């Protein structure tokens, strides 16, 4: 068990608790590319799966797992499987193994320009 935890830290990942609300993550798994917009706590808007979330849906991200019952809470780890709760399903959704995690830059907001007369 400890070996898996250390390995997840070596392979890379991110603790969601350390990210600001409105952070956007691109999570590439073996089969799909998910976009997660973090809303705070474990809540996120997630999209990227043609069946479960083709459009953004509000979910609760539990964390990452190696496919068994052990879960690394509020962590998205490379080589692990993302686990989240979807409002339309009783059991959690577990993705294929995560290949890459990237934080997307936020759009820069500029003040409205005033018209010159």
PDB file of N, CA and C in Angstrom:
ATOM      1  N   UNK A   1       0.828  -1.190   0.000  1.00  0.00           N
ATOM      2  CA  UNK A   1       0.000   0.000   0.000  1.00  0.00           C
ATOM      3  C   UNK A   1       0.872   1.253   0.000  1.00  0.00           C
ATOM      4  N   UNK A   2       1.845   1.368   0.907  1.00  0.00           N
ATOM      5  CA  UNK A   2       2.703   2.550   0.947  1.00  0.00           C
ATOM      6  C   UNK A   2       3.485   2.720  -0.346  1.00  0.00           C
ATOM      7  N   UNK A   3       3.874   1.607  -0.967  1.00  0.00           N
ATOM      8  CA  UNK A   3       4.615   1.675  -2.222  1.00  0.00           C
ATOM      9  C   UNK A   3       3.775   2.360  -3.292  1.00  0.00           C
ATOM     10  N   UNK A   4       2.469   2.042  -3.364  1.00  0.00           N
ATOM     11  CA  UNK A   4       1.587   2.677  -4.341  1.00  0.00           C
ATOM     12  C   UNK A   4       1.458   4.170  -4.089  1.00  0.00           C
ATOM     13  N   UNK A   5       1.367   4.569  -2.840  1.00  0.00           N
ATOM     14  CA  UNK A   5       1.255   5.987  -2.504  1.00  0.00           C
ATOM     15  C   UNK A   5       2.512   6.730  -2.933  1.00  0.00           C
ATOM     16  N   UNK A   6       3.671   6.180  -2.628  1.00  0.00           N
ATOM     17  CA  UNK A   6       4.936   6.806  -3.019  1.00  0.00           C
ATOM     18  C   UNK A   6       5.037   6.865  -4.537  1.00  0.00           C
ATOM     19  N   UNK A   7       4.637   5.788  -5.217  1.00  0.00           N
ATOM     20  CA  UNK A   7       4.704   5.754  -6.675  1.00  0.00           C
ATOM     21  C   UNK A   7       3.819   6.829  -7.297  1.00  0.00           C
ATOM     22  N   UNK A   8       2.637   7.067  -6.724  1.00  0.00           N
ATOM     23  CA  UNK A   8       1.752   8.098  -7.274  1.00  0.00           C
ATOM     24  C   UNK A   8       2.372   9.477  -7.134  1.00  0.00           C
ATOM     25  N   UNK A   9       3.110   9.703  -6.051  1.00  0.00           N
ATOM     26  CA  UNK A   9       3.786  10.994  -5.871  1.00  0.00           C
ATOM     27  C   UNK A   9       4.918  11.151  -6.896  1.00  0.00           C
ATOM     28  N   UNK A  10       5.625  10.065  -7.185  1.00  0.00           N
ATOM     29  CA  UNK A  10       6.733  10.113  -8.146  1.00  0.00           C
ATOM     30  C   UNK A  10       6.211  10.344  -9.557  1.00  0.00           C
ATOM     31  N   UNK A  11       5.149   9.623  -9.928  1.00  0.00           N
ATOM     32  CA  UNK A  11       4.618   9.716 -11.291  1.00  0.00           C
ATOM     33  C   UNK A  11       3.922  11.037 -11.557  1.00  0.00           C
ATOM     34  N   UNK A  12       3.520  11.730 -10.527  1.00  0.00           N
ATOM     35  CA  UNK A  12       2.912  13.038 -10.698  1.00  0.00           C
ATOM     36  C   UNK A  12       1.432  13.031 -10.425  1.00  0.00           C
ATOM     37  N   UNK A  13       0.977  14.134  -9.960  1.00  0.00           N
ATOM     38  CA  UNK A  13      -0.431  14.292  -9.659  1.00  0.00           C
ATOM     39  C   UNK A  13      -0.652  15.609  -8.957  1.00  0.00           C
ATOM     40  N   UNK A  14      -1.884  15.841  -8.577  1.00  0.00           N
ATOM     41  CA  UNK A  14      -2.219  17.106  -7.950  1.00  0.00           C
ATOM     42  C   UNK A  14      -3.279  16.870  -6.880  1.00  0.00           C
ATOM     43  N   UNK A  15      -3.083  17.494  -5.725  1.00  0.00           N
ATOM     44  CA  UNK A  15      -4.088  17.487  -4.680  1.00  0.00           C
ATOM     45  C   UNK A  15      -5.079  18.603  -4.974  1.00  0.00           C
ATOM     46  N   UNK A  16      -6.343  18.272  -5.089  1.00  0.00           N
ATOM     47  CA  UNK A  16      -7.362  19.257  -5.440  1.00  0.00           C
ATOM     48  C   UNK A  16      -7.504  20.332  -4.368  1.00  0.00           C
ATOM     49  N   UNK A  17      -7.255  19.972  -3.113  1.00  0.00           N
ATOM     50  CA  UNK A  17      -7.378  20.943  -2.025  1.00  0.00           C
ATOM     51  C   UNK A  17      -6.387  22.107  -2.168  1.00  0.00           C
ATOM     52  N   UNK A  18      -5.305  21.894  -2.914  1.00  0.00           N
ATOM     53  CA  UNK A  18      -4.305  22.931  -3.092  1.00  0.00           C
ATOM     54  C   UNK A  18      -4.564  23.845  -4.275  1.00  0.00           C
ATOM     55  N   UNK A  19      -5.670  23.643  -4.977  1.00  0.00           N
ATOM     56  CA  UNK A  19      -5.986  24.449  -6.157  1.00  0.00           C
ATOM     57  C   UNK A  19      -7.130  25.411  -5.874  1.00  0.00           C
ATOM     58  N   UNK A  20      -7.097  26.543  -6.521  1.00  0.00           N
ATOM     59  CA  UNK A  20      -8.130  27.565  -6.356  1.00  0.00           C
ATOM     60  C   UNK A  20      -9.403  27.181  -7.107  1.00  0.00           C
ATOM     61  N   UNK A  21     -10.571  27.579  -6.591  1.00  0.00           N
ATOM     62  CA  UNK A  21     -11.797  27.413  -7.380  1.00  0.00           C
ATOM     63  C   UNK A  21     -11.629  28.099  -8.729  1.00  0.00           C
ATOM     64  N   UNK A  22     -12.246  27.545  -9.743  1.00  0.00           N
ATOM     65  CA  UNK A  22     -12.187  27.994 -11.135  1.00  0.00           C
ATOM     66  C   UNK A  22     -10.940  27.486 -11.859  1.00  0.00           C
ATOM     67  N   UNK A  23     -10.089  26.713 -11.174  1.00  0.00           N
ATOM     68  CA  UNK A  23      -8.968  26.079 -11.859  1.00  0.00           C
ATOM     69  C   UNK A  23      -9.528  25.064 -12.849  1.00  0.00           C
ATOM     70  N   UNK A  24      -8.943  25.020 -14.036  1.00  0.00           N
ATOM     71  CA  UNK A  24      -9.377  24.089 -15.075  1.00  0.00           C
ATOM     72  C   UNK A  24      -8.274  23.056 -15.291  1.00  0.00           C
ATOM     73  N   UNK A  25      -8.643  21.782 -15.164  1.00  0.00           N
ATOM     74  CA  UNK A  25      -7.704  20.692 -15.400  1.00  0.00           C
ATOM     75  C   UNK A  25      -8.112  19.908 -16.637  1.00  0.00           C
ATOM     76  N   UNK A  26      -7.140  19.574 -17.472  1.00  0.00           N
ATOM     77  CA  UNK A  26      -7.328  18.626 -18.562  1.00  0.00           C
ATOM     78  C   UNK A  26      -6.750  17.305 -18.066  1.00  0.00           C
ATOM     79  N   UNK A  27      -7.580  16.268 -18.043  1.00  0.00           N
ATOM     80  CA  UNK A  27      -7.169  14.967 -17.528  1.00  0.00           C
ATOM     81  C   UNK A  27      -7.294  13.961 -18.669  1.00  0.00           C
ATOM     82  N   UNK A  28      -6.148  13.552 -19.204  1.00  0.00           N
ATOM     83  CA  UNK A  28      -6.121  12.601 -20.310  1.00  0.00           C
ATOM     84  C   UNK A  28      -5.999  11.197 -19.736  1.00  0.00           C
ATOM     85  N   UNK A  29      -7.007  10.356 -20.000  1.00  0.00           N
ATOM     86  CA  UNK A  29      -6.947   8.959 -19.588  1.00  0.00           C
ATOM     87  C   UNK A  29      -6.603   8.118 -20.801  1.00  0.00           C
ATOM     88  N   UNK A  30      -6.574   6.810 -20.627  1.00  0.00           N
ATOM     89  CA  UNK A  30      -6.289   5.933 -21.762  1.00  0.00           C
ATOM     90  C   UNK A  30      -7.324   6.071 -22.866  1.00  0.00           C
ATOM     91  N   UNK A  31      -8.566   6.408 -22.496  1.00  0.00           N
ATOM     92  CA  UNK A  31      -9.639   6.402 -23.485  1.00  0.00           C
ATOM     93  C   UNK A  31     -10.299   7.756 -23.760  1.00  0.00           C
ATOM     94  N   UNK A  32     -10.203   8.703 -22.840  1.00  0.00           N
ATOM     95  CA  UNK A  32     -10.908   9.975 -23.008  1.00  0.00           C
ATOM     96  C   UNK A  32     -10.085  11.129 -22.444  1.00  0.00           C
ATOM     97  N   UNK A  33     -10.433  12.327 -22.887  1.00  0.00           N
ATOM     98  CA  UNK A  33      -9.831  13.541 -22.342  1.00  0.00           C
ATOM     99  C   UNK A  33     -10.934  14.311 -21.621  1.00  0.00           C
ATOM    100  N   UNK A  34     -10.803  14.434 -20.313  1.00  0.00           N
ATOM    101  CA  UNK A  34     -11.794  15.115 -19.486  1.00  0.00           C
ATOM    102  C   UNK A  34     -11.352  16.543 -19.200  1.00  0.00           C
ATOM    103  N   UNK A  35     -12.320  17.424 -19.090  1.00  0.00           N
ATOM    104  CA  UNK A  35     -12.077  18.783 -18.613  1.00  0.00           C
ATOM    105  C   UNK A  35     -12.813  18.914 -17.294  1.00  0.00           C
ATOM    106  N   UNK A  36     -12.096  19.320 -16.264  1.00  0.00           N
ATOM    107  CA  UNK A  36     -12.695  19.507 -14.943  1.00  0.00           C
ATOM    108  C   UNK A  36     -12.494  20.950 -14.514  1.00  0.00           C
ATOM    109  N   UNK A  37     -13.586  21.638 -14.237  1.00  0.00           N
ATOM    110  CA  UNK A  37     -13.530  23.000 -13.705  1.00  0.00           C
ATOM    111  C   UNK A  37     -13.836  22.880 -12.222  1.00  0.00           C
ATOM    112  N   UNK A  38     -12.834  23.153 -11.403  1.00  0.00           N
ATOM    113  CA  UNK A  38     -12.976  22.979  -9.962  1.00  0.00           C
ATOM    114  C   UNK A  38     -13.813  24.107  -9.375  1.00  0.00           C
ATOM    115  N   UNK A  39     -14.741  23.737  -8.503  1.00  0.00           N
ATOM    116  CA  UNK A  39     -15.646  24.722  -7.911  1.00  0.00           C
ATOM    117  C   UNK A  39     -15.381  24.929  -6.419  1.00  0.00           C
ATOM    118  N   UNK A  40     -14.496  24.153  -5.860  1.00  0.00           N
ATOM    119  CA  UNK A  40     -14.212  24.224  -4.432  1.00  0.00           C
ATOM    120  C   UNK A  40     -14.614  22.930  -3.758  1.00  0.00           C
ATOM    121  N   UNK A  41     -13.856  22.559  -2.741  1.00  0.00           N
ATOM    122  CA  UNK A  41     -14.108  21.282  -2.091  1.00  0.00           C
ATOM    123  C   UNK A  41     -13.916  20.170  -3.095  1.00  0.00           C
ATOM    124  N   UNK A  42     -14.835  19.232  -3.122  1.00  0.00           N
ATOM    125  CA  UNK A  42     -14.741  18.126  -4.072  1.00  0.00           C
ATOM    126  C   UNK A  42     -15.603  18.356  -5.310  1.00  0.00           C
ATOM    127  N   UNK A  43     -16.305  19.487  -5.375  1.00  0.00           N
ATOM    128  CA  UNK A  43     -17.210  19.731  -6.495  1.00  0.00           C
ATOM    129  C   UNK A  43     -16.475  20.250  -7.731  1.00  0.00           C
ATOM    130  N   UNK A  44     -16.937  19.755  -8.874  1.00  0.00           N
ATOM    131  CA  UNK A  44     -16.363  20.181 -10.155  1.00  0.00           C
ATOM    132  C   UNK A  44     -17.403  20.007 -11.249  1.00  0.00           C
ATOM    133  N   UNK A  45     -17.234  20.780 -12.294  1.00  0.00           N
ATOM    134  CA  UNK A  45     -17.973  20.553 -13.537  1.00  0.00           C
ATOM    135  C   UNK A  45     -17.049  19.728 -14.415  1.00  0.00           C
ATOM    136  N   UNK A  46     -17.511  18.559 -14.833  1.00  0.00           N
ATOM    137  CA  UNK A  46     -16.640  17.679 -15.612  1.00  0.00           C
ATOM    138  C   UNK A  46     -17.325  17.307 -16.921  1.00  0.00           C
ATOM    139  N   UNK A  47     -16.521  17.207 -17.972  1.00  0.00           N
ATOM    140  CA  UNK A  47     -17.021  16.788 -19.288  1.00  0.00           C
ATOM    141  C   UNK A  47     -15.916  16.001 -19.969  1.00  0.00           C
ATOM    142  N   UNK A  48     -16.307  15.277 -21.037  1.00  0.00           N
ATOM    143  CA  UNK A  48     -15.307  14.574 -21.819  1.00  0.00           C
ATOM    144  C   UNK A  48     -15.598  13.110 -22.068  1.00  0.00           C
ATOM    145  N   UNK A  49     -16.633  12.571 -21.439  1.00  0.00           N
ATOM    146  CA  UNK A  49     -17.004  11.177 -21.705  1.00  0.00           C
ATOM    147  C   UNK A  49     -18.298  11.174 -22.517  1.00  0.00           C
ATOM    148  N   UNK A  50     -18.355  10.448 -23.626  1.00  0.00           N
ATOM    149  CA  UNK A  50     -19.530  10.516 -24.494  1.00  0.00           C
ATOM    150  C   UNK A  50     -20.822  10.017 -23.856  1.00  0.00           C
ATOM    151  N   UNK A  51     -20.742   9.163 -22.844  1.00  0.00           N
ATOM    152  CA  UNK A  51     -21.940   8.645 -22.192  1.00  0.00           C
ATOM    153  C   UNK A  51     -22.246   9.365 -20.889  1.00  0.00           C
ATOM    154  N   UNK A  52     -21.270   9.469 -20.005  1.00  0.00           N
ATOM    155  CA  UNK A  52     -21.500   9.995 -18.659  1.00  0.00           C
ATOM    156  C   UNK A  52     -21.499  11.521 -18.580  1.00  0.00           C
ATOM    157  N   UNK A  53     -20.686  12.155 -19.398  1.00  0.00           N
ATOM    158  CA  UNK A  53     -20.605  13.617 -19.301  1.00  0.00           C
ATOM    159  C   UNK A  53     -20.163  14.242 -20.623  1.00  0.00           C
ATOM    160  N   UNK A  54     -20.995  14.125 -21.665  1.00  0.00           N
ATOM    161  CA  UNK A  54     -20.632  14.786 -22.927  1.00  0.00           C
ATOM    162  C   UNK A  54     -20.659  16.306 -22.793  1.00  0.00           C
ATOM    163  N   UNK A  55     -21.515  16.806 -21.907  1.00  0.00           N
ATOM    164  CA  UNK A  55     -21.590  18.225 -21.560  1.00  0.00           C
ATOM    165  C   UNK A  55     -21.191  18.349 -20.089  1.00  0.00           C
ATOM    166  N   UNK A  56     -20.734  19.519 -19.647  1.00  0.00           N
ATOM    167  CA  UNK A  56     -20.347  19.659 -18.241  1.00  0.00           C
ATOM    168  C   UNK A  56     -21.485  19.276 -17.293  1.00  0.00           C
ATOM    169  N   UNK A  57     -21.130  18.479 -16.294  1.00  0.00           N
ATOM    170  CA  UNK A  57     -22.089  18.049 -15.281  1.00  0.00           C
ATOM    171  C   UNK A  57     -21.436  18.232 -13.908  1.00  0.00           C
ATOM    172  N   UNK A  58     -22.236  18.638 -12.942  1.00  0.00           N
ATOM    173  CA  UNK A  58     -21.734  18.845 -11.584  1.00  0.00           C
ATOM    174  C   UNK A  58     -21.521  17.492 -10.920  1.00  0.00           C
ATOM    175  N   UNK A  59     -20.287  17.232 -10.485  1.00  0.00           N
ATOM    176  CA  UNK A  59     -19.942  15.972  -9.841  1.00  0.00           C
ATOM    177  C   UNK A  59     -19.176  16.249  -8.551  1.00  0.00           C
ATOM    178  N   UNK A  60     -19.006  15.204  -7.761  1.00  0.00           N
ATOM    179  CA  UNK A  60     -18.136  15.244  -6.586  1.00  0.00           C
ATOM    180  C   UNK A  60     -16.958  14.320  -6.882  1.00  0.00           C
ATOM    181  N   UNK A  61     -15.764  14.888  -6.935  1.00  0.00           N
ATOM    182  CA  UNK A  61     -14.569  14.088  -7.191  1.00  0.00           C
ATOM    183  C   UNK A  61     -14.101  13.494  -5.872  1.00  0.00           C
ATOM    184  N   UNK A  62     -14.063  12.169  -5.818  1.00  0.00           N
ATOM    185  CA  UNK A  62     -13.598  11.475  -4.614  1.00  0.00           C
ATOM    186  C   UNK A  62     -12.082  11.504  -4.536  1.00  0.00           C
ATOM    187  N   UNK A  63     -11.436  11.204  -5.656  1.00  0.00           N
ATOM    188  CA  UNK A  63      -9.978  11.135  -5.695  1.00  0.00           C
ATOM    189  C   UNK A  63      -9.550  10.163  -6.766  1.00  0.00           C
ATOM    190  N   UNK A  64      -8.435   9.476  -6.499  1.00  0.00           N
ATOM    191  CA  UNK A  64      -7.897   8.521  -7.460  1.00  0.00           C
ATOM    192  C   UNK A  64      -7.672   7.174  -6.790  1.00  0.00           C
ATOM    193  N   UNK A  65      -7.778   6.140  -7.598  1.00  0.00           N
ATOM    194  CA  UNK A  65      -7.629   4.766  -7.124  1.00  0.00           C
ATOM    195  C   UNK A  65      -6.747   3.999  -8.098  1.00  0.00           C
ATOM    196  N   UNK A  66      -6.254   2.869  -7.639  1.00  0.00           N
ATOM    197  CA  UNK A  66      -5.497   1.987  -8.523  1.00  0.00           C
ATOM    198  C   UNK A  66      -6.393   0.904  -9.084  1.00  0.00           C
ATOM    199  N   UNK A  67      -7.704   1.057  -8.918  1.00  0.00           N
ATOM    200  CA  UNK A  67      -8.650   0.083  -9.430  1.00  0.00           C
ATOM    201  C   UNK A  67      -9.241  -0.804  -8.354  1.00  0.00           C
ATOM    202  N   UNK A  68      -8.730  -0.720  -7.151  1.00  0.00           N
ATOM    203  CA  UNK A  68      -9.256  -1.505  -6.035  1.00  0.00           C
ATOM    204  C   UNK A  68     -10.053  -0.623  -5.099  1.00  0.00           C
ATOM    205  N   UNK A  69     -10.102  -1.011  -3.854  1.00  0.00           N
ATOM    206  CA  UNK A  69     -10.901  -0.272  -2.876  1.00  0.00           C
ATOM    207  C   UNK A  69     -10.138   0.882  -2.225  1.00  0.00           C
ATOM    208  N   UNK A  70      -8.818   0.926  -2.387  1.00  0.00           N
ATOM    209  CA  UNK A  70      -8.041   2.000  -1.777  1.00  0.00           C
ATOM    210  C   UNK A  70      -8.145   3.271  -2.619  1.00  0.00           C
ATOM    211  N   UNK A  71      -8.455   4.379  -1.960  1.00  0.00           N
ATOM    212  CA  UNK A  71      -8.672   5.654  -2.638  1.00  0.00           C
ATOM    213  C   UNK A  71      -7.764   6.711  -2.032  1.00  0.00           C
ATOM    214  N   UNK A  72      -7.083   7.456  -2.886  1.00  0.00           N
ATOM    215  CA  UNK A  72      -6.292   8.596  -2.427  1.00  0.00           C
ATOM    216  C   UNK A  72      -7.202   9.811  -2.575  1.00  0.00           C
ATOM    217  N   UNK A  73      -7.730  10.289  -1.447  1.00  0.00           N
ATOM    218  CA  UNK A  73      -8.754  11.332  -1.438  1.00  0.00           C
ATOM    219  C   UNK A  73      -8.275  12.644  -2.036  1.00  0.00           C
ATOM    220  N   UNK A  74      -9.149  13.264  -2.810  1.00  0.00           N
ATOM    221  CA  UNK A  74      -8.946  14.592  -3.397  1.00  0.00           C
ATOM    222  C   UNK A  74      -7.610  14.710  -4.137  1.00  0.00           C
ATOM    223  N   UNK A  75      -7.195  13.627  -4.769  1.00  0.00           N
ATOM    224  CA  UNK A  75      -5.936  13.581  -5.508  1.00  0.00           C
ATOM    225  C   UNK A  75      -6.230  13.068  -6.910  1.00  0.00           C
ATOM    226  N   UNK A  76      -5.625  13.696  -7.902  1.00  0.00           N
ATOM    227  CA  UNK A  76      -5.702  13.216  -9.284  1.00  0.00           C
ATOM    228  C   UNK A  76      -4.283  12.812  -9.642  1.00  0.00           C
ATOM    229  N   UNK A  77      -4.069  11.499  -9.831  1.00  0.00           N
ATOM    230  CA  UNK A  77      -2.709  11.004 -10.008  1.00  0.00           C
ATOM    231  C   UNK A  77      -2.488  10.271 -11.309  1.00  0.00           C
ATOM    232  N   UNK A  78      -1.373  10.565 -11.927  1.00  0.00           N
ATOM    233  CA  UNK A  78      -0.971   9.887 -13.156  1.00  0.00           C
ATOM    234  C   UNK A  78      -0.774   8.400 -12.853  1.00  0.00           C
ATOM    235  N   UNK A  79      -1.282   7.555 -13.742  1.00  0.00           N
ATOM    236  CA  UNK A  79      -1.196   6.114 -13.547  1.00  0.00           C
ATOM    237  C   UNK A  79      -2.340   5.553 -12.713  1.00  0.00           C
ATOM    238  N   UNK A  80      -3.158   6.432 -12.155  1.00  0.00           N
ATOM    239  CA  UNK A  80      -4.288   6.033 -11.327  1.00  0.00           C
ATOM    240  C   UNK A  80      -5.578   6.249 -12.112  1.00  0.00           C
ATOM    241  N   UNK A  81      -6.714   5.898 -11.505  1.00  0.00           N
ATOM    242  CA  UNK A  81      -8.024   6.075 -12.135  1.00  0.00           C
ATOM    243  C   UNK A  81      -8.810   7.107 -11.344  1.00  0.00           C
ATOM    244  N   UNK A  82      -9.340   8.092 -12.030  1.00  0.00           N
ATOM    245  CA  UNK A  82     -10.154   9.122 -11.390  1.00  0.00           C
ATOM    246  C   UNK A  82     -11.493   8.521 -10.979  1.00  0.00           C
ATOM    247  N   UNK A  83     -11.937   8.844  -9.770  1.00  0.00           N
ATOM    248  CA  UNK A  83     -13.231   8.383  -9.288  1.00  0.00           C
ATOM    249  C   UNK A  83     -14.073   9.599  -8.916  1.00  0.00           C
ATOM    250  N   UNK A  84     -15.292   9.653  -9.480  1.00  0.00           N
ATOM    251  CA  UNK A  84     -16.185  10.760  -9.155  1.00  0.00           C
ATOM    252  C   UNK A  84     -17.623  10.281  -9.087  1.00  0.00           C
ATOM    253  N   UNK A  85     -18.433  11.031  -8.348  1.00  0.00           N
ATOM    254  CA  UNK A  85     -19.857  10.717  -8.203  1.00  0.00           C
ATOM    255  C   UNK A  85     -20.675  11.602  -9.127  1.00  0.00           C
ATOM    256  N   UNK A  86     -21.447  10.960  -9.965  1.00  0.00           N
ATOM    257  CA  UNK A  86     -22.309  11.608 -10.941  1.00  0.00           C
ATOM    258  C   UNK A  86     -23.725  11.612 -10.369  1.00  0.00           C
ATOM    259  N   UNK A  87     -24.484  12.701 -10.491  1.00  0.00           N
ATOM    260  CA  UNK A  87     -25.814  12.770  -9.873  1.00  0.00           C
ATOM    261  C   UNK A  87     -26.829  11.757 -10.428  1.00  0.00           C
ATOM    262  N   UNK A  88     -26.590  11.209 -11.601  1.00  0.00           N
ATOM    263  CA  UNK A  88     -27.554  10.285 -12.194  1.00  0.00           C
ATOM    264  C   UNK A  88     -27.209   8.808 -11.981  1.00  0.00           C
ATOM    265  N   UNK A  89     -26.107   8.523 -11.260  1.00  0.00           N
ATOM    266  CA  UNK A  89     -25.676   7.145 -11.052  1.00  0.00           C
ATOM    267  C   UNK A  89     -25.439   6.897  -9.561  1.00  0.00           C
ATOM    268  N   UNK A  90     -25.824   5.706  -9.091  1.00  0.00           N
ATOM    269  CA  UNK A  90     -25.682   5.392  -7.673  1.00  0.00           C
ATOM    270  C   UNK A  90     -24.254   5.028  -7.296  1.00  0.00           C
ATOM    271  N   UNK A  91     -23.527   4.413  -8.196  1.00  0.00           N
ATOM    272  CA  UNK A  91     -22.152   4.029  -7.911  1.00  0.00           C
ATOM    273  C   UNK A  91     -21.208   5.035  -8.559  1.00  0.00           C
ATOM    274  N   UNK A  92     -19.999   5.148  -8.033  1.00  0.00           N
ATOM    275  CA  UNK A  92     -19.076   6.135  -8.615  1.00  0.00           C
ATOM    276  C   UNK A  92     -18.631   5.731 -10.022  1.00  0.00           C
ATOM    277  N   UNK A  93     -18.293   6.745 -10.808  1.00  0.00           N
ATOM    278  CA  UNK A  93     -17.701   6.542 -12.128  1.00  0.00           C
ATOM    279  C   UNK A  93     -16.196   6.438 -11.901  1.00  0.00           C
ATOM    280  N   UNK A  94     -15.578   5.420 -12.481  1.00  0.00           N
ATOM    281  CA  UNK A  94     -14.131   5.228 -12.381  1.00  0.00           C
ATOM    282  C   UNK A  94     -13.584   5.210 -13.802  1.00  0.00           C
ATOM    283  N   UNK A  95     -12.660   6.104 -14.088  1.00  0.00           N
ATOM    284  CA  UNK A  95     -12.107   6.228 -15.435  1.00  0.00           C
ATOM    285  C   UNK A  95     -11.030   5.175 -15.684  1.00  0.00           C
ATOM    286  N   UNK A  96     -10.559   5.119 -16.914  1.00  0.00           N
ATOM    287  CA  UNK A  96      -9.360   4.341 -17.221  1.00  0.00           C
ATOM    288  C   UNK A  96      -8.159   5.099 -16.640  1.00  0.00           C
ATOM    289  N   UNK A  97      -6.991   4.501 -16.714  1.00  0.00           N
ATOM    290  CA  UNK A  97      -5.797   5.082 -16.097  1.00  0.00           C
ATOM    291  C   UNK A  97      -5.469   6.464 -16.673  1.00  0.00           C
ATOM    292  N   UNK A  98      -5.098   7.365 -15.784  1.00  0.00           N
ATOM    293  CA  UNK A  98      -4.753   8.736 -16.159  1.00  0.00           C
ATOM    294  C   UNK A  98      -3.348   8.753 -16.762  1.00  0.00           C
ATOM    295  N   UNK A  99      -3.246   9.310 -17.949  1.00  0.00           N
ATOM    296  CA  UNK A  99      -1.967   9.413 -18.655  1.00  0.00           C
ATOM    297  C   UNK A  99      -1.271  10.753 -18.407  1.00  0.00           C
ATOM    298  N   UNK A 100      -2.079  11.819 -18.339  1.00  0.00           N
ATOM    299  CA  UNK A 100      -1.519  13.168 -18.216  1.00  0.00           C
ATOM    300  C   UNK A 100      -2.514  14.083 -17.531  1.00  0.00           C
ATOM    301  N   UNK A 101      -1.999  15.036 -16.769  1.00  0.00           N
ATOM    302  CA  UNK A 101      -2.818  16.045 -16.089  1.00  0.00           C
ATOM    303  C   UNK A 101      -2.198  17.398 -16.388  1.00  0.00           C
ATOM    304  N   UNK A 102      -2.997  18.323 -16.875  1.00  0.00           N
ATOM    305  CA  UNK A 102      -2.489  19.667 -17.158  1.00  0.00           C
ATOM    306  C   UNK A 102      -3.452  20.703 -16.611  1.00  0.00           C
ATOM    307  N   UNK A 103      -2.892  21.736 -16.013  1.00  0.00           N
ATOM    308  CA  UNK A 103      -3.700  22.875 -15.596  1.00  0.00           C
ATOM    309  C   UNK A 103      -3.763  23.830 -16.768  1.00  0.00           C
ATOM    310  N   UNK A 104      -4.964  24.196 -17.159  1.00  0.00           N
ATOM    311  CA  UNK A 104      -5.148  25.109 -18.289  1.00  0.00           C
ATOM    312  C   UNK A 104      -5.055  26.544 -17.796  1.00  0.00           C
ATOM    313  N   UNK A 105      -4.433  27.399 -18.582  1.00  0.00           N
ATOM    314  CA  UNK A 105      -4.386  28.810 -18.186  1.00  0.00           C
ATOM    315  C   UNK A 105      -5.778  29.405 -18.213  1.00  0.00           C
ATOM    316  N   UNK A 106      -6.028  30.267 -17.262  1.00  0.00           N
ATOM    317  CA  UNK A 106      -7.323  30.951 -17.221  1.00  0.00           C
ATOM    318  C   UNK A 106      -7.315  32.087 -18.217  1.00  0.00           C
ATOM    319  N   UNK A 107      -8.488  32.374 -18.730  1.00  0.00           N
ATOM    320  CA  UNK A 107      -8.617  33.514 -19.641  1.00  0.00           C
ATOM    321  C   UNK A 107      -8.371  34.791 -18.854  1.00  0.00           C
ATOM    322  N   UNK A 108      -7.641  35.699 -19.443  1.00  0.00           N
ATOM    323  CA  UNK A 108      -7.371  36.977 -18.801  1.00  0.00           C
ATOM    324  C   UNK A 108      -8.560  37.890 -19.023  1.00  0.00           C
ATOM    325  N   UNK A 109      -9.043  38.472 -17.951  1.00  0.00           N
ATOM    326  CA  UNK A 109     -10.186  39.378 -18.075  1.00  0.00           C
ATOM    327  C   UNK A 109      -9.677  40.814 -18.193  1.00  0.00           C
ATOM    328  N   UNK A 110     -10.126  41.489 -19.220  1.00  0.00           N
ATOM    329  CA  UNK A 110      -9.746  42.867 -19.444  1.00  0.00           C
ATOM    330  C   UNK A 110     -10.943  43.765 -19.162  1.00  0.00           C
ATOM    331  N   UNK A 111     -10.704  44.953 -18.641  1.00  0.00           N
ATOM    332  CA  UNK A 111     -11.839  45.862 -18.432  1.00  0.00           C
ATOM    333  C   UNK A 111     -12.434  46.269 -19.777  1.00  0.00           C
ATOM    334  N   UNK A 112     -13.696  46.570 -19.750  1.00  0.00           N
ATOM    335  CA  UNK A 112     -14.386  46.978 -20.980  1.00  0.00           C
ATOM    336  C   UNK A 112     -13.765  48.273 -21.499  1.00  0.00           C
ATOM    337  N   UNK A 113     -13.591  48.338 -22.810  1.00  0.00           N
ATOM    338  CA  UNK A 113     -13.047  49.547 -23.415  1.00  0.00           C
ATOM    339  C   UNK A 113     -14.131  50.577 -23.604  1.00  0.00           C
ATOM    340  N   UNK A 114     -13.767  51.808 -23.429  1.00  0.00           N
ATOM    341  CA  UNK A 114     -14.730  52.870 -23.673  1.00  0.00           C
ATOM    342  C   UNK A 114     -14.539  53.374 -25.107  1.00  0.00           C
ATOM    343  N   UNK A 115     -15.608  53.723 -25.723  1.00  0.00           N
ATOM    344  CA  UNK A 115     -15.538  54.209 -27.101  1.00  0.00           C
ATOM    345  C   UNK A 115     -14.956  55.618 -27.129  1.00  0.00           C
ATOM    346  N   UNK A 116     -14.118  55.849 -28.092  1.00  0.00           N
ATOM    347  CA  UNK A 116     -13.558  57.196 -28.271  1.00  0.00           C
ATOM    348  C   UNK A 116     -14.479  57.973 -29.195  1.00  0.00           C
ATOM    349  N   UNK A 117     -14.740  59.210 -28.836  1.00  0.00           N
ATOM    350  CA  UNK A 117     -15.629  60.035 -29.648  1.00  0.00           C
ATOM    351  C   UNK A 117     -14.843  61.023 -30.434  1.00  0.00           C
TER     352      UNK A 117
END
